[in-house]
Every structure is written in structure tokens, then in C-alpha cells.
Amino acid sequence: MGMDVTAVNPKDPDNHYFRANVWGWRGIHAFMSMACSDLYGQELDVKMCYNDGEGIPSHLVEACADRMQDLYNEEFKDLETFNPFIDDPTCPANLIPAYTIDVKRLQTWINFVRNSGGFEIW
């Protein structure tokens, strides 16, 4: 089970699809939320936790990609892994390792968003 993310109007037809399992999506979504949830709002941020077709509209993808790239360059590029739940007391300790993702995957996500022309999460 996972999140299938499809580009609405991709600039590069070969980069029209992004997939993450439910464990990996948590880190990607947390990273995106940290960088740009104020651009698209709390309601959409929550909806993007599910795979029911919500996503960022075309008019916001460049700004979101720019913000995520800036955050990545400032705080993540020298890391190997990222886990947004390590310092979260509500996350059970036995689940914390499962949410860890390779930081290179975040760069792949940024590239997908920038190329997408908007996206939907299924």
C-alpha cells in the first residue's frame, strides 16, 4: 500500500509519476509541510496525508518546489536520512525507525513537484 502521485501537466512526460509507500510518505509529507504548508493551507496539508486525489495545484508547484529546495539546501543536503518523528513524544519508539527515509529521496520529490504542473495523490 502506498501513495501514487501523478503529475497533472508534467513538463517532462518521463517524470509524470512518483510513488512512496505509506511509511516513506510520512517523511516526504512532513518535509513538504515544513517548507510550504503556509502556501497551500492546513486543510490541504491534512488531506495530503490520504490518497484520495488531493494535491498541490499548478499555480503553487514552483513556489513549493523552491521552498523545499531552499530547506533541503539549508538543512538536509548533508544528512543521509530524515525522520520527522524522532523527537515526537506521541510516536511510539518501535515505529520511529520505520519512518526514516533516505534524504536523496527528498531531492527526487522536489524534482517531481517542480516538473508536475500540479499533482494528485492517489
PDB file of N, CA and C in Angstrom:
ATOM      1  N   MET A   1       0.842  -1.162   0.000  1.00  0.00           N
ATOM      2  CA  MET A   1       0.000   0.000   0.000  1.00  0.00           C
ATOM      3  C   MET A   1       0.892   1.230   0.000  1.00  0.00           C
ATOM      4  N   GLY A   2       0.462   2.261  -0.722  1.00  0.00           N
ATOM      5  CA  GLY A   2       1.272   3.449  -0.788  1.00  0.00           C
ATOM      6  C   GLY A   2       0.539   4.615  -1.397  1.00  0.00           C
ATOM      7  N   MET A   3       1.303   5.618  -1.711  1.00  0.00           N
ATOM      8  CA  MET A   3       0.788   6.838  -2.303  1.00  0.00           C
ATOM      9  C   MET A   3       1.293   6.907  -3.735  1.00  0.00           C
ATOM     10  N   ASP A   4       0.359   6.929  -4.665  1.00  0.00           N
ATOM     11  CA  ASP A   4       0.680   7.082  -6.074  1.00  0.00           C
ATOM     12  C   ASP A   4       0.399   8.533  -6.434  1.00  0.00           C
ATOM     13  N   VAL A   5       1.436   9.270  -6.779  1.00  0.00           N
ATOM     14  CA  VAL A   5       1.302  10.692  -7.057  1.00  0.00           C
ATOM     15  C   VAL A   5       1.470  10.899  -8.559  1.00  0.00           C
ATOM     16  N   THR A   6       0.466  11.479  -9.173  1.00  0.00           N
ATOM     17  CA  THR A   6       0.505  11.695 -10.617  1.00  0.00           C
ATOM     18  C   THR A   6       0.558  13.186 -10.929  1.00  0.00           C
ATOM     19  N   ALA A   7       1.403  13.505 -11.894  1.00  0.00           N
ATOM     20  CA  ALA A   7       1.522  14.885 -12.356  1.00  0.00           C
ATOM     21  C   ALA A   7       0.302  15.231 -13.203  1.00  0.00           C
ATOM     22  N   VAL A   8      -0.238  16.411 -13.019  1.00  0.00           N
ATOM     23  CA  VAL A   8      -1.406  16.856 -13.773  1.00  0.00           C
ATOM     24  C   VAL A   8      -1.000  17.315 -15.176  1.00  0.00           C
ATOM     25  N   ASN A   9       0.080  18.077 -15.271  1.00  0.00           N
ATOM     26  CA  ASN A   9       0.545  18.610 -16.548  1.00  0.00           C
ATOM     27  C   ASN A   9       2.071  18.629 -16.552  1.00  0.00           C
ATOM     28  N   PRO A  10       2.703  17.440 -16.634  1.00  0.00           N
ATOM     29  CA  PRO A  10       4.163  17.375 -16.483  1.00  0.00           C
ATOM     30  C   PRO A  10       4.922  18.056 -17.613  1.00  0.00           C
ATOM     31  N   LYS A  11       6.009  18.729 -17.252  1.00  0.00           N
ATOM     32  CA  LYS A  11       6.897  19.331 -18.245  1.00  0.00           C
ATOM     33  C   LYS A  11       7.674  18.241 -18.973  1.00  0.00           C
ATOM     34  N   ASP A  12       8.032  17.190 -18.258  1.00  0.00           N
ATOM     35  CA  ASP A  12       8.766  16.052 -18.807  1.00  0.00           C
ATOM     36  C   ASP A  12       7.875  14.827 -18.685  1.00  0.00           C
ATOM     37  N   PRO A  13       7.365  14.309 -19.804  1.00  0.00           N
ATOM     38  CA  PRO A  13       6.449  13.164 -19.742  1.00  0.00           C
ATOM     39  C   PRO A  13       7.045  11.923 -19.075  1.00  0.00           C
ATOM     40  N   ASP A  14       8.373  11.826 -19.061  1.00  0.00           N
ATOM     41  CA  ASP A  14       9.009  10.672 -18.418  1.00  0.00           C
ATOM     42  C   ASP A  14       9.029  10.796 -16.897  1.00  0.00           C
ATOM     43  N   ASN A  15       8.716  11.965 -16.383  1.00  0.00           N
ATOM     44  CA  ASN A  15       8.709  12.201 -14.935  1.00  0.00           C
ATOM     45  C   ASN A  15       7.292  12.602 -14.517  1.00  0.00           C
ATOM     46  N   HIS A  16       6.337  11.731 -14.778  1.00  0.00           N
ATOM     47  CA  HIS A  16       4.922  12.045 -14.531  1.00  0.00           C
ATOM     48  C   HIS A  16       4.332  11.309 -13.328  1.00  0.00           C
ATOM     49  N   TYR A  17       5.148  10.499 -12.662  1.00  0.00           N
ATOM     50  CA  TYR A  17       4.628   9.627 -11.615  1.00  0.00           C
ATOM     51  C   TYR A  17       5.647   9.505 -10.492  1.00  0.00           C
ATOM     52  N   PHE A  18       5.156   9.541  -9.260  1.00  0.00           N
ATOM     53  CA  PHE A  18       6.002   9.359  -8.076  1.00  0.00           C
ATOM     54  C   PHE A  18       5.259   8.426  -7.142  1.00  0.00           C
ATOM     55  N   ARG A  19       5.962   7.464  -6.604  1.00  0.00           N
ATOM     56  CA  ARG A  19       5.336   6.513  -5.700  1.00  0.00           C
ATOM     57  C   ARG A  19       6.134   6.447  -4.394  1.00  0.00           C
ATOM     58  N   ALA A  20       5.403   6.389  -3.300  1.00  0.00           N
ATOM     59  CA  ALA A  20       6.024   6.208  -1.988  1.00  0.00           C
ATOM     60  C   ALA A  20       5.146   5.267  -1.174  1.00  0.00           C
ATOM     61  N   ASN A  21       5.780   4.365  -0.434  1.00  0.00           N
ATOM     62  CA  ASN A  21       4.970   3.535   0.451  1.00  0.00           C
ATOM     63  C   ASN A  21       4.454   4.397   1.600  1.00  0.00           C
ATOM     64  N   VAL A  22       3.511   3.882   2.353  1.00  0.00           N
ATOM     65  CA  VAL A  22       2.896   4.701   3.400  1.00  0.00           C
ATOM     66  C   VAL A  22       3.903   5.131   4.456  1.00  0.00           C
ATOM     67  N   TRP A  23       4.923   4.329   4.704  1.00  0.00           N
ATOM     68  CA  TRP A  23       5.942   4.706   5.692  1.00  0.00           C
ATOM     69  C   TRP A  23       6.792   5.850   5.156  1.00  0.00           C
ATOM     70  N   GLY A  24       7.243   5.741   3.925  1.00  0.00           N
ATOM     71  CA  GLY A  24       8.080   6.776   3.326  1.00  0.00           C
ATOM     72  C   GLY A  24       7.334   8.075   3.082  1.00  0.00           C
ATOM     73  N   TRP A  25       6.038   7.962   2.772  1.00  0.00           N
ATOM     74  CA  TRP A  25       5.255   9.170   2.505  1.00  0.00           C
ATOM     75  C   TRP A  25       5.203  10.080   3.723  1.00  0.00           C
ATOM     76  N   ARG A  26       5.185   9.499   4.916  1.00  0.00           N
ATOM     77  CA  ARG A  26       5.107  10.331   6.133  1.00  0.00           C
ATOM     78  C   ARG A  26       6.261  11.333   6.199  1.00  0.00           C
ATOM     79  N   GLY A  27       7.471  10.882   5.888  1.00  0.00           N
ATOM     80  CA  GLY A  27       8.631  11.775   5.907  1.00  0.00           C
ATOM     81  C   GLY A  27       8.600  12.798   4.789  1.00  0.00           C
ATOM     82  N   ILE A  28       8.187  12.364   3.592  1.00  0.00           N
ATOM     83  CA  ILE A  28       8.091  13.280   2.454  1.00  0.00           C
ATOM     84  C   ILE A  28       7.040  14.346   2.731  1.00  0.00           C
ATOM     85  N   HIS A  29       5.901  13.919   3.228  1.00  0.00           N
ATOM     86  CA  HIS A  29       4.829  14.863   3.539  1.00  0.00           C
ATOM     87  C   HIS A  29       5.255  15.826   4.644  1.00  0.00           C
ATOM     88  N   ALA A  30       5.928  15.316   5.675  1.00  0.00           N
ATOM     89  CA  ALA A  30       6.390  16.187   6.766  1.00  0.00           C
ATOM     90  C   ALA A  30       7.379  17.226   6.244  1.00  0.00           C
ATOM     91  N   PHE A  31       8.288  16.808   5.382  1.00  0.00           N
ATOM     92  CA  PHE A  31       9.254  17.729   4.784  1.00  0.00           C
ATOM     93  C   PHE A  31       8.535  18.818   3.978  1.00  0.00           C
ATOM     94  N   MET A  32       7.583  18.401   3.143  1.00  0.00           N
ATOM     95  CA  MET A  32       6.823  19.350   2.337  1.00  0.00           C
ATOM     96  C   MET A  32       6.040  20.304   3.241  1.00  0.00           C
ATOM     97  N   SER A  33       5.449  19.778   4.278  1.00  0.00           N
ATOM     98  CA  SER A  33       4.681  20.589   5.214  1.00  0.00           C
ATOM     99  C   SER A  33       5.565  21.624   5.907  1.00  0.00           C
ATOM    100  N   MET A  34       6.759  21.207   6.324  1.00  0.00           N
ATOM    101  CA  MET A  34       7.700  22.126   6.970  1.00  0.00           C
ATOM    102  C   MET A  34       8.038  23.293   6.048  1.00  0.00           C
ATOM    103  N   ALA A  35       8.195  22.993   4.780  1.00  0.00           N
ATOM    104  CA  ALA A  35       8.659  24.007   3.824  1.00  0.00           C
ATOM    105  C   ALA A  35       7.553  24.929   3.326  1.00  0.00           C
ATOM    106  N   CYS A  36       6.362  24.390   3.111  1.00  0.00           N
ATOM    107  CA  CYS A  36       5.404  25.228   2.378  1.00  0.00           C
ATOM    108  C   CYS A  36       3.931  25.051   2.732  1.00  0.00           C
ATOM    109  N   SER A  37       3.609  24.488   3.873  1.00  0.00           N
ATOM    110  CA  SER A  37       2.189  24.353   4.214  1.00  0.00           C
ATOM    111  C   SER A  37       1.488  25.700   4.337  1.00  0.00           C
ATOM    112  N   ASP A  38       2.236  26.740   4.672  1.00  0.00           N
ATOM    113  CA  ASP A  38       1.607  28.065   4.746  1.00  0.00           C
ATOM    114  C   ASP A  38       1.158  28.566   3.371  1.00  0.00           C
ATOM    115  N   LEU A  39       1.721  28.019   2.300  1.00  0.00           N
ATOM    116  CA  LEU A  39       1.306  28.400   0.943  1.00  0.00           C
ATOM    117  C   LEU A  39      -0.020  27.765   0.548  1.00  0.00           C
ATOM    118  N   TYR A  40      -0.211  26.515   0.936  1.00  0.00           N
ATOM    119  CA  TYR A  40      -1.424  25.810   0.496  1.00  0.00           C
ATOM    120  C   TYR A  40      -2.431  25.570   1.613  1.00  0.00           C
ATOM    121  N   GLY A  41      -2.085  25.844   2.844  1.00  0.00           N
ATOM    122  CA  GLY A  41      -3.041  25.816   3.945  1.00  0.00           C
ATOM    123  C   GLY A  41      -3.149  24.504   4.699  1.00  0.00           C
ATOM    124  N   GLN A  42      -3.618  24.621   5.931  1.00  0.00           N
ATOM    125  CA  GLN A  42      -3.753  23.497   6.857  1.00  0.00           C
ATOM    126  C   GLN A  42      -4.706  22.417   6.329  1.00  0.00           C
ATOM    127  N   GLU A  43      -5.813  22.837   5.739  1.00  0.00           N
ATOM    128  CA  GLU A  43      -6.806  21.857   5.268  1.00  0.00           C
ATOM    129  C   GLU A  43      -6.214  20.950   4.189  1.00  0.00           C
ATOM    130  N   LEU A  44      -5.543  21.528   3.202  1.00  0.00           N
ATOM    131  CA  LEU A  44      -4.930  20.718   2.153  1.00  0.00           C
ATOM    132  C   LEU A  44      -3.772  19.904   2.709  1.00  0.00           C
ATOM    133  N   ASP A  45      -3.042  20.457   3.653  1.00  0.00           N
ATOM    134  CA  ASP A  45      -1.937  19.728   4.265  1.00  0.00           C
ATOM    135  C   ASP A  45      -2.440  18.422   4.888  1.00  0.00           C
ATOM    136  N   VAL A  46      -3.543  18.479   5.601  1.00  0.00           N
ATOM    137  CA  VAL A  46      -4.124  17.274   6.210  1.00  0.00           C
ATOM    138  C   VAL A  46      -4.629  16.320   5.132  1.00  0.00           C
ATOM    139  N   LYS A  47      -5.287  16.848   4.106  1.00  0.00           N
ATOM    140  CA  LYS A  47      -5.831  15.999   3.047  1.00  0.00           C
ATOM    141  C   LYS A  47      -4.738  15.242   2.294  1.00  0.00           C
ATOM    142  N   MET A  48      -3.541  15.815   2.221  1.00  0.00           N
ATOM    143  CA  MET A  48      -2.461  15.136   1.504  1.00  0.00           C
ATOM    144  C   MET A  48      -1.857  13.978   2.292  1.00  0.00           C
ATOM    145  N   CYS A  49      -2.391  13.709   3.473  1.00  0.00           N
ATOM    146  CA  CYS A  49      -1.993  12.517   4.229  1.00  0.00           C
ATOM    147  C   CYS A  49      -2.715  11.281   3.710  1.00  0.00           C
ATOM    148  N   TYR A  50      -3.684  11.475   2.843  1.00  0.00           N
ATOM    149  CA  TYR A  50      -4.518  10.382   2.333  1.00  0.00           C
ATOM    150  C   TYR A  50      -4.358  10.293   0.820  1.00  0.00           C
ATOM    151  N   ASN A  51      -4.757   9.186   0.272  1.00  0.00           N
ATOM    152  CA  ASN A  51      -4.635   9.011  -1.176  1.00  0.00           C
ATOM    153  C   ASN A  51      -6.015   9.045  -1.835  1.00  0.00           C
ATOM    154  N   ASP A  52      -6.639  10.223  -1.757  1.00  0.00           N
ATOM    155  CA  ASP A  52      -7.973  10.372  -2.337  1.00  0.00           C
ATOM    156  C   ASP A  52      -8.029  11.476  -3.390  1.00  0.00           C
ATOM    157  N   GLY A  53      -6.883  11.775  -4.019  1.00  0.00           N
ATOM    158  CA  GLY A  53      -6.866  12.695  -5.146  1.00  0.00           C
ATOM    159  C   GLY A  53      -6.487  14.124  -4.846  1.00  0.00           C
ATOM    160  N   GLU A  54      -6.234  14.459  -3.586  1.00  0.00           N
ATOM    161  CA  GLU A  54      -5.831  15.831  -3.264  1.00  0.00           C
ATOM    162  C   GLU A  54      -4.367  16.039  -3.645  1.00  0.00           C
ATOM    163  N   GLY A  55      -3.987  17.275  -3.841  1.00  0.00           N
ATOM    164  CA  GLY A  55      -2.602  17.597  -4.167  1.00  0.00           C
ATOM    165  C   GLY A  55      -2.447  19.088  -4.366  1.00  0.00           C
ATOM    166  N   ILE A  56      -1.253  19.482  -4.728  1.00  0.00           N
ATOM    167  CA  ILE A  56      -0.961  20.902  -4.907  1.00  0.00           C
ATOM    168  C   ILE A  56      -1.348  21.323  -6.324  1.00  0.00           C
ATOM    169  N   PRO A  57      -2.101  22.428  -6.452  1.00  0.00           N
ATOM    170  CA  PRO A  57      -2.496  22.911  -7.785  1.00  0.00           C
ATOM    171  C   PRO A  57      -1.308  23.511  -8.539  1.00  0.00           C
ATOM    172  N   SER A  58      -1.474  23.608  -9.839  1.00  0.00           N
ATOM    173  CA  SER A  58      -0.390  24.050 -10.723  1.00  0.00           C
ATOM    174  C   SER A  58       0.179  25.419 -10.347  1.00  0.00           C
ATOM    175  N   HIS A  59      -0.660  26.338  -9.897  1.00  0.00           N
ATOM    176  CA  HIS A  59      -0.162  27.682  -9.616  1.00  0.00           C
ATOM    177  C   HIS A  59       0.726  27.758  -8.374  1.00  0.00           C
ATOM    178  N   LEU A  60       0.820  26.679  -7.612  1.00  0.00           N
ATOM    179  CA  LEU A  60       1.652  26.692  -6.401  1.00  0.00           C
ATOM    180  C   LEU A  60       2.893  25.800  -6.487  1.00  0.00           C
ATOM    181  N   VAL A  61       3.013  24.975  -7.521  1.00  0.00           N
ATOM    182  CA  VAL A  61       4.103  23.993  -7.514  1.00  0.00           C
ATOM    183  C   VAL A  61       5.491  24.625  -7.581  1.00  0.00           C
ATOM    184  N   GLU A  62       5.675  25.661  -8.371  1.00  0.00           N
ATOM    185  CA  GLU A  62       7.002  26.277  -8.448  1.00  0.00           C
ATOM    186  C   GLU A  62       7.415  26.875  -7.102  1.00  0.00           C
ATOM    187  N   ALA A  63       6.495  27.585  -6.454  1.00  0.00           N
ATOM    188  CA  ALA A  63       6.800  28.184  -5.154  1.00  0.00           C
ATOM    189  C   ALA A  63       7.094  27.095  -4.120  1.00  0.00           C
ATOM    190  N   CYS A  64       6.324  26.019  -4.150  1.00  0.00           N
ATOM    191  CA  CYS A  64       6.565  24.911  -3.212  1.00  0.00           C
ATOM    192  C   CYS A  64       7.905  24.251  -3.495  1.00  0.00           C
ATOM    193  N   ALA A  65       8.194  23.998  -4.763  1.00  0.00           N
ATOM    194  CA  ALA A  65       9.474  23.376  -5.113  1.00  0.00           C
ATOM    195  C   ALA A  65      10.640  24.267  -4.698  1.00  0.00           C
ATOM    196  N   ASP A  66      10.510  25.567  -4.906  1.00  0.00           N
ATOM    197  CA  ASP A  66      11.572  26.499  -4.498  1.00  0.00           C
ATOM    198  C   ASP A  66      11.780  26.464  -2.989  1.00  0.00           C
ATOM    199  N   ARG A  67      10.693  26.477  -2.239  1.00  0.00           N
ATOM    200  CA  ARG A  67      10.800  26.456  -0.769  1.00  0.00           C
ATOM    201  C   ARG A  67      11.413  25.148  -0.282  1.00  0.00           C
ATOM    202  N   MET A  68      10.968  24.036  -0.875  1.00  0.00           N
ATOM    203  CA  MET A  68      11.532  22.745  -0.466  1.00  0.00           C
ATOM    204  C   MET A  68      13.014  22.668  -0.819  1.00  0.00           C
ATOM    205  N   GLN A  69      13.390  23.192  -1.985  1.00  0.00           N
ATOM    206  CA  GLN A  69      14.807  23.177  -2.368  1.00  0.00           C
ATOM    207  C   GLN A  69      15.631  24.018  -1.410  1.00  0.00           C
ATOM    208  N   ASP A  70      15.116  25.180  -1.030  1.00  0.00           N
ATOM    209  CA  ASP A  70      15.834  26.026  -0.066  1.00  0.00           C
ATOM    210  C   ASP A  70      16.007  25.306   1.268  1.00  0.00           C
ATOM    211  N   LEU A  71      14.941  24.690   1.775  1.00  0.00           N
ATOM    212  CA  LEU A  71      15.027  23.956   3.035  1.00  0.00           C
ATOM    213  C   LEU A  71      16.006  22.797   2.913  1.00  0.00           C
ATOM    214  N   TYR A  72      15.920  22.077   1.813  1.00  0.00           N
ATOM    215  CA  TYR A  72      16.839  20.961   1.579  1.00  0.00           C
ATOM    216  C   TYR A  72      18.288  21.438   1.598  1.00  0.00           C
ATOM    217  N   ASN A  73      18.572  22.510   0.862  1.00  0.00           N
ATOM    218  CA  ASN A  73      19.944  23.027   0.788  1.00  0.00           C
ATOM    219  C   ASN A  73      20.449  23.539   2.127  1.00  0.00           C
ATOM    220  N   GLU A  74      19.565  24.142   2.918  1.00  0.00           N
ATOM    221  CA  GLU A  74      19.967  24.721   4.200  1.00  0.00           C
ATOM    222  C   GLU A  74      20.123  23.689   5.306  1.00  0.00           C
ATOM    223  N   GLU A  75      19.235  22.678   5.336  1.00  0.00           N
ATOM    224  CA  GLU A  75      19.210  21.796   6.496  1.00  0.00           C
ATOM    225  C   GLU A  75      19.349  20.301   6.210  1.00  0.00           C
ATOM    226  N   PHE A  76      19.200  19.868   4.969  1.00  0.00           N
ATOM    227  CA  PHE A  76      19.125  18.446   4.711  1.00  0.00           C
ATOM    228  C   PHE A  76      20.211  17.871   3.819  1.00  0.00           C
ATOM    229  N   LYS A  77      20.837  18.672   2.982  1.00  0.00           N
ATOM    230  CA  LYS A  77      21.726  18.123   1.959  1.00  0.00           C
ATOM    231  C   LYS A  77      22.914  17.353   2.529  1.00  0.00           C
ATOM    232  N   ASP A  78      23.330  17.650   3.735  1.00  0.00           N
ATOM    233  CA  ASP A  78      24.460  16.947   4.329  1.00  0.00           C
ATOM    234  C   ASP A  78      24.042  15.759   5.192  1.00  0.00           C
ATOM    235  N   LEU A  79      22.753  15.510   5.271  1.00  0.00           N
ATOM    236  CA  LEU A  79      22.250  14.369   6.032  1.00  0.00           C
ATOM    237  C   LEU A  79      22.107  13.157   5.123  1.00  0.00           C
ATOM    238  N   GLU A  80      22.142  11.992   5.713  1.00  0.00           N
ATOM    239  CA  GLU A  80      21.896  10.775   4.942  1.00  0.00           C
ATOM    240  C   GLU A  80      20.443  10.347   5.033  1.00  0.00           C
ATOM    241  N   THR A  81      19.848  10.543   6.209  1.00  0.00           N
ATOM    242  CA  THR A  81      18.466  10.127   6.420  1.00  0.00           C
ATOM    243  C   THR A  81      17.693  11.233   7.128  1.00  0.00           C
ATOM    244  N   PHE A  82      16.373  11.122   7.066  1.00  0.00           N
ATOM    245  CA  PHE A  82      15.486  12.085   7.716  1.00  0.00           C
ATOM    246  C   PHE A  82      14.340  11.317   8.355  1.00  0.00           C
ATOM    247  N   ASN A  83      14.019  11.680   9.576  1.00  0.00           N
ATOM    248  CA  ASN A  83      12.876  11.110  10.264  1.00  0.00           C
ATOM    249  C   ASN A  83      12.210  12.217  11.082  1.00  0.00           C
ATOM    250  N   PRO A  84      11.026  12.657  10.666  1.00  0.00           N
ATOM    251  CA  PRO A  84      10.372  13.770  11.356  1.00  0.00           C
ATOM    252  C   PRO A  84       9.808  13.409  12.726  1.00  0.00           C
ATOM    253  N   PHE A  85       9.827  12.135  13.080  1.00  0.00           N
ATOM    254  CA  PHE A  85       9.171  11.696  14.306  1.00  0.00           C
ATOM    255  C   PHE A  85      10.128  11.341  15.435  1.00  0.00           C
ATOM    256  N   ILE A  86      11.419  11.509  15.237  1.00  0.00           N
ATOM    257  CA  ILE A  86      12.383  11.139  16.278  1.00  0.00           C
ATOM    258  C   ILE A  86      12.123  11.894  17.569  1.00  0.00           C
ATOM    259  N   ASP A  87      11.820  13.162  17.481  1.00  0.00           N
ATOM    260  CA  ASP A  87      11.583  13.972  18.681  1.00  0.00           C
ATOM    261  C   ASP A  87      10.109  14.131  19.014  1.00  0.00           C
ATOM    262  N   ASP A  88       9.269  13.306  18.423  1.00  0.00           N
ATOM    263  CA  ASP A  88       7.824  13.394  18.642  1.00  0.00           C
ATOM    264  C   ASP A  88       7.414  12.417  19.742  1.00  0.00           C
ATOM    265  N   PRO A  89       7.057  12.920  20.933  1.00  0.00           N
ATOM    266  CA  PRO A  89       6.718  12.027  22.037  1.00  0.00           C
ATOM    267  C   PRO A  89       5.438  11.226  21.801  1.00  0.00           C
ATOM    268  N   THR A  90       4.640  11.603  20.803  1.00  0.00           N
ATOM    269  CA  THR A  90       3.413  10.852  20.527  1.00  0.00           C
ATOM    270  C   THR A  90       3.655   9.648  19.622  1.00  0.00           C
ATOM    271  N   CYS A  91       4.838   9.571  19.028  1.00  0.00           N
ATOM    272  CA  CYS A  91       5.150   8.448  18.139  1.00  0.00           C
ATOM    273  C   CYS A  91       5.795   7.326  18.952  1.00  0.00           C
ATOM    274  N   PRO A  92       5.209   6.139  18.956  1.00  0.00           N
ATOM    275  CA  PRO A  92       5.794   5.015  19.708  1.00  0.00           C
ATOM    276  C   PRO A  92       7.215   4.703  19.230  1.00  0.00           C
ATOM    277  N   ALA A  93       8.120   4.476  20.140  1.00  0.00           N
ATOM    278  CA  ALA A  93       9.533   4.259  19.823  1.00  0.00           C
ATOM    279  C   ALA A  93       9.746   3.125  18.830  1.00  0.00           C
ATOM    280  N   ASN A  94       8.907   2.094  18.883  1.00  0.00           N
ATOM    281  CA  ASN A  94       9.101   0.976  17.966  1.00  0.00           C
ATOM    282  C   ASN A  94       8.722   1.321  16.523  1.00  0.00           C
ATOM    283  N   LEU A  95       8.017   2.427  16.301  1.00  0.00           N
ATOM    284  CA  LEU A  95       7.659   2.837  14.942  1.00  0.00           C
ATOM    285  C   LEU A  95       8.633   3.851  14.348  1.00  0.00           C
ATOM    286  N   ILE A  96       9.391   4.514  15.178  1.00  0.00           N
ATOM    287  CA  ILE A  96      10.258   5.591  14.701  1.00  0.00           C
ATOM    288  C   ILE A  96      11.191   5.139  13.573  1.00  0.00           C
ATOM    289  N   PRO A  97      11.906   4.033  13.666  1.00  0.00           N
ATOM    290  CA  PRO A  97      12.801   3.646  12.560  1.00  0.00           C
ATOM    291  C   PRO A  97      12.065   3.432  11.227  1.00  0.00           C
ATOM    292  N   ALA A  98      10.821   3.020  11.277  1.00  0.00           N
ATOM    293  CA  ALA A  98      10.071   2.756  10.055  1.00  0.00           C
ATOM    294  C   ALA A  98       9.814   4.029   9.244  1.00  0.00           C
ATOM    295  N   TYR A  99       9.820   5.181   9.866  1.00  0.00           N
ATOM    296  CA  TYR A  99       9.537   6.438   9.171  1.00  0.00           C
ATOM    297  C   TYR A  99      10.787   7.107   8.599  1.00  0.00           C
ATOM    298  N   THR A 100      11.947   6.515   8.791  1.00  0.00           N
ATOM    299  CA  THR A 100      13.192   7.087   8.306  1.00  0.00           C
ATOM    300  C   THR A 100      13.303   6.898   6.795  1.00  0.00           C
ATOM    301  N   ILE A 101      13.642   7.984   6.083  1.00  0.00           N
ATOM    302  CA  ILE A 101      13.822   7.889   4.634  1.00  0.00           C
ATOM    303  C   ILE A 101      15.191   8.431   4.243  1.00  0.00           C
ATOM    304  N   ASP A 102      15.657   7.997   3.105  1.00  0.00           N
ATOM    305  CA  ASP A 102      16.906   8.480   2.527  1.00  0.00           C
ATOM    306  C   ASP A 102      16.686   9.921   2.065  1.00  0.00           C
ATOM    307  N   VAL A 103      17.564  10.813   2.456  1.00  0.00           N
ATOM    308  CA  VAL A 103      17.420  12.233   2.114  1.00  0.00           C
ATOM    309  C   VAL A 103      17.452  12.445   0.597  1.00  0.00           C
ATOM    310  N   LYS A 104      18.142  11.593  -0.136  1.00  0.00           N
ATOM    311  CA  LYS A 104      18.164  11.721  -1.597  1.00  0.00           C
ATOM    312  C   LYS A 104      16.755  11.597  -2.176  1.00  0.00           C
ATOM    313  N   ARG A 105      15.909  10.869  -1.484  1.00  0.00           N
ATOM    314  CA  ARG A 105      14.519  10.718  -1.928  1.00  0.00           C
ATOM    315  C   ARG A 105      13.785  12.060  -1.875  1.00  0.00           C
ATOM    316  N   LEU A 106      14.159  12.922  -0.931  1.00  0.00           N
ATOM    317  CA  LEU A 106      13.550  14.254  -0.854  1.00  0.00           C
ATOM    318  C   LEU A 106      13.888  15.075  -2.094  1.00  0.00           C
ATOM    319  N   GLN A 107      15.133  14.952  -2.581  1.00  0.00           N
ATOM    320  CA  GLN A 107      15.510  15.680  -3.791  1.00  0.00           C
ATOM    321  C   GLN A 107      14.732  15.156  -4.992  1.00  0.00           C
ATOM    322  N   THR A 108      14.515  13.854  -5.047  1.00  0.00           N
ATOM    323  CA  THR A 108      13.707  13.273  -6.116  1.00  0.00           C
ATOM    324  C   THR A 108      12.288  13.841  -6.061  1.00  0.00           C
ATOM    325  N   TRP A 109      11.747  13.973  -4.848  1.00  0.00           N
ATOM    326  CA  TRP A 109      10.413  14.543  -4.671  1.00  0.00           C
ATOM    327  C   TRP A 109      10.364  15.999  -5.152  1.00  0.00           C
ATOM    328  N   ILE A 110      11.345  16.797  -4.774  1.00  0.00           N
ATOM    329  CA  ILE A 110      11.383  18.198  -5.204  1.00  0.00           C
ATOM    330  C   ILE A 110      11.391  18.281  -6.726  1.00  0.00           C
ATOM    331  N   ASN A 111      12.194  17.460  -7.361  1.00  0.00           N
ATOM    332  CA  ASN A 111      12.263  17.455  -8.827  1.00  0.00           C
ATOM    333  C   ASN A 111      10.918  17.069  -9.438  1.00  0.00           C
ATOM    334  N   PHE A 112      10.260  16.079  -8.845  1.00  0.00           N
ATOM    335  CA  PHE A 112       8.946  15.684  -9.338  1.00  0.00           C
ATOM    336  C   PHE A 112       7.954  16.843  -9.223  1.00  0.00           C
ATOM    337  N   VAL A 113       7.902  17.475  -8.063  1.00  0.00           N
ATOM    338  CA  VAL A 113       6.958  18.581  -7.841  1.00  0.00           C
ATOM    339  C   VAL A 113       7.206  19.696  -8.852  1.00  0.00           C
ATOM    340  N   ARG A 114       8.463  20.059  -9.037  1.00  0.00           N
ATOM    341  CA  ARG A 114       8.806  21.141  -9.964  1.00  0.00           C
ATOM    342  C   ARG A 114       8.353  20.809 -11.395  1.00  0.00           C
ATOM    343  N   ASN A 115       8.439  19.569 -11.766  1.00  0.00           N
ATOM    344  CA  ASN A 115       8.079  19.122 -13.114  1.00  0.00           C
ATOM    345  C   ASN A 115       6.584  18.895 -13.299  1.00  0.00           C
ATOM    346  N   SER A 116       5.843  18.732 -12.214  1.00  0.00           N
ATOM    347  CA  SER A 116       4.485  18.161 -12.260  1.00  0.00           C
ATOM    348  C   SER A 116       3.409  19.005 -12.930  1.00  0.00           C
ATOM    349  N   GLY A 117       3.487  20.307 -12.826  1.00  0.00           N
ATOM    350  CA  GLY A 117       2.369  21.120 -13.291  1.00  0.00           C
ATOM    351  C   GLY A 117       1.137  20.951 -12.418  1.00  0.00           C
ATOM    352  N   GLY A 118       1.363  20.621 -11.168  1.00  0.00           N
ATOM    353  CA  GLY A 118       0.296  20.256 -10.230  1.00  0.00           C
ATOM    354  C   GLY A 118       0.269  18.737 -10.087  1.00  0.00           C
ATOM    355  N   PHE A 119      -0.189  18.253  -8.955  1.00  0.00           N
ATOM    356  CA  PHE A 119      -0.225  16.804  -8.796  1.00  0.00           C
ATOM    357  C   PHE A 119      -1.414  16.378  -7.954  1.00  0.00           C
ATOM    358  N   GLU A 120      -1.735  15.092  -8.077  1.00  0.00           N
ATOM    359  CA  GLU A 120      -2.803  14.466  -7.304  1.00  0.00           C
ATOM    360  C   GLU A 120      -2.248  13.221  -6.639  1.00  0.00           C
ATOM    361  N   ILE A 121      -2.684  12.990  -5.416  1.00  0.00           N
ATOM    362  CA  ILE A 121      -2.211  11.839  -4.642  1.00  0.00           C
ATOM    363  C   ILE A 121      -3.304  10.780  -4.622  1.00  0.00           C
ATOM    364  N   TRP A 122      -3.008   9.615  -5.158  1.00  0.00           N
ATOM    365  CA  TRP A 122      -3.951   8.504  -5.218  1.00  0.00           C
ATOM    366  C   TRP A 122      -3.409   7.297  -4.514  1.00  0.00           C
TER     367      TRP A 122
END
